């Protein structure tokens, strides 16, 4: 009978440890996904190109950067 109790206690301990490990892994993965989504959103915001409509064709094209007289771009 003591062996059964020992196995029961060991099994309960493994279940609790497994649940804790699962919870910690789940939180770690959620944090990594959140960081990746934020990085992707920043990258998309930084690389967004304003568009302007070509009046002759009606097609939207990337806006041209105006060149200043001193050679620097605007």
Protein backbone atom coordinates (compact mmCIF):
# COMPACT_ATOMS: atom_id res chain seq x y z
CA UNK A 1 0.00 0.00 0.00
CA UNK A 2 2.79 2.55 0.71
CA UNK A 3 4.13 2.00 -2.82
CA UNK A 4 0.80 3.04 -4.30
CA UNK A 5 0.78 6.21 -2.22
CA UNK A 6 4.36 6.92 -3.28
CA UNK A 7 3.43 6.52 -6.96
CA UNK A 8 0.35 8.68 -6.44
CA UNK A 9 2.38 11.48 -4.83
CA UNK A 10 5.08 11.23 -7.52
CA UNK A 11 2.44 11.34 -10.27
CA UNK A 12 0.74 14.36 -8.72
CA UNK A 13 4.11 16.10 -8.47
CA UNK A 14 4.86 15.38 -12.12
CA UNK A 15 1.46 16.70 -13.17
CA UNK A 16 1.96 19.92 -11.21
CA UNK A 17 5.49 20.37 -12.56
CA UNK A 18 4.25 19.71 -16.08
CA UNK A 19 1.49 22.28 -15.76
CA UNK A 20 3.95 24.85 -14.46
CA UNK A 21 6.39 24.15 -17.31
CA UNK A 22 3.55 24.37 -19.85
CA UNK A 23 2.36 27.71 -18.42
CA UNK A 24 5.87 29.16 -18.46
CA UNK A 25 6.45 28.01 -22.06
CA UNK A 26 3.12 29.45 -23.11
CA UNK A 27 3.98 32.84 -21.58
CA UNK A 28 7.44 32.80 -23.20
CA UNK A 29 5.98 32.04 -26.62
CA UNK A 30 3.32 34.75 -26.28
CA UNK A 31 6.03 37.28 -25.33
CA UNK A 32 8.15 36.28 -28.34
CA UNK A 33 5.16 36.57 -30.68
CA UNK A 34 4.26 39.99 -29.28
CA UNK A 35 7.84 41.22 -29.77
CA UNK A 36 7.91 39.86 -33.33
CA UNK A 37 4.58 41.51 -34.16
CA UNK A 38 5.80 44.86 -32.79
CA UNK A 39 9.03 44.60 -34.79
CA UNK A 40 7.06 43.79 -37.95
CA UNK A 41 4.73 46.73 -37.37
CA UNK A 42 7.72 49.07 -36.88
CA UNK A 43 9.37 47.76 -40.05
CA UNK A 44 6.18 48.21 -42.06
CA UNK A 45 5.69 51.74 -40.74
CA UNK A 46 9.28 52.71 -41.54
CA UNK A 47 9.23 51.28 -45.06
CA UNK A 48 5.86 52.72 -46.07
CA UNK A 49 6.17 54.82 -49.22
CA UNK A 50 3.68 57.61 -49.85
CA UNK A 51 1.84 57.29 -53.14
CA UNK A 52 0.71 59.97 -55.57
CA UNK A 53 -1.80 59.63 -58.37
CA UNK A 54 -0.55 60.11 -61.91
CA UNK A 55 -3.19 62.39 -63.46
CA UNK A 56 -2.49 61.13 -66.99
CA UNK A 57 -2.97 57.42 -66.29
CA UNK A 58 -4.83 57.40 -62.97
CA UNK A 59 -2.30 54.95 -61.55
CA UNK A 60 -0.86 55.45 -58.10
CA UNK A 61 2.94 55.47 -58.06
CA UNK A 62 5.53 56.01 -55.33
CA UNK A 63 5.92 59.68 -54.61
CA UNK A 64 9.08 61.16 -56.10
CA UNK A 65 11.55 62.73 -53.72
CA UNK A 66 12.26 66.33 -54.62
CA UNK A 67 15.95 67.10 -55.14
CA UNK A 68 17.19 70.35 -53.66
CA UNK A 69 19.71 72.59 -55.39
CA UNK A 70 22.48 71.59 -52.95
CA UNK A 71 22.08 67.90 -53.89
CA UNK A 72 20.48 66.75 -50.64
CA UNK A 73 17.16 64.96 -50.83
CA UNK A 74 14.06 66.20 -49.05
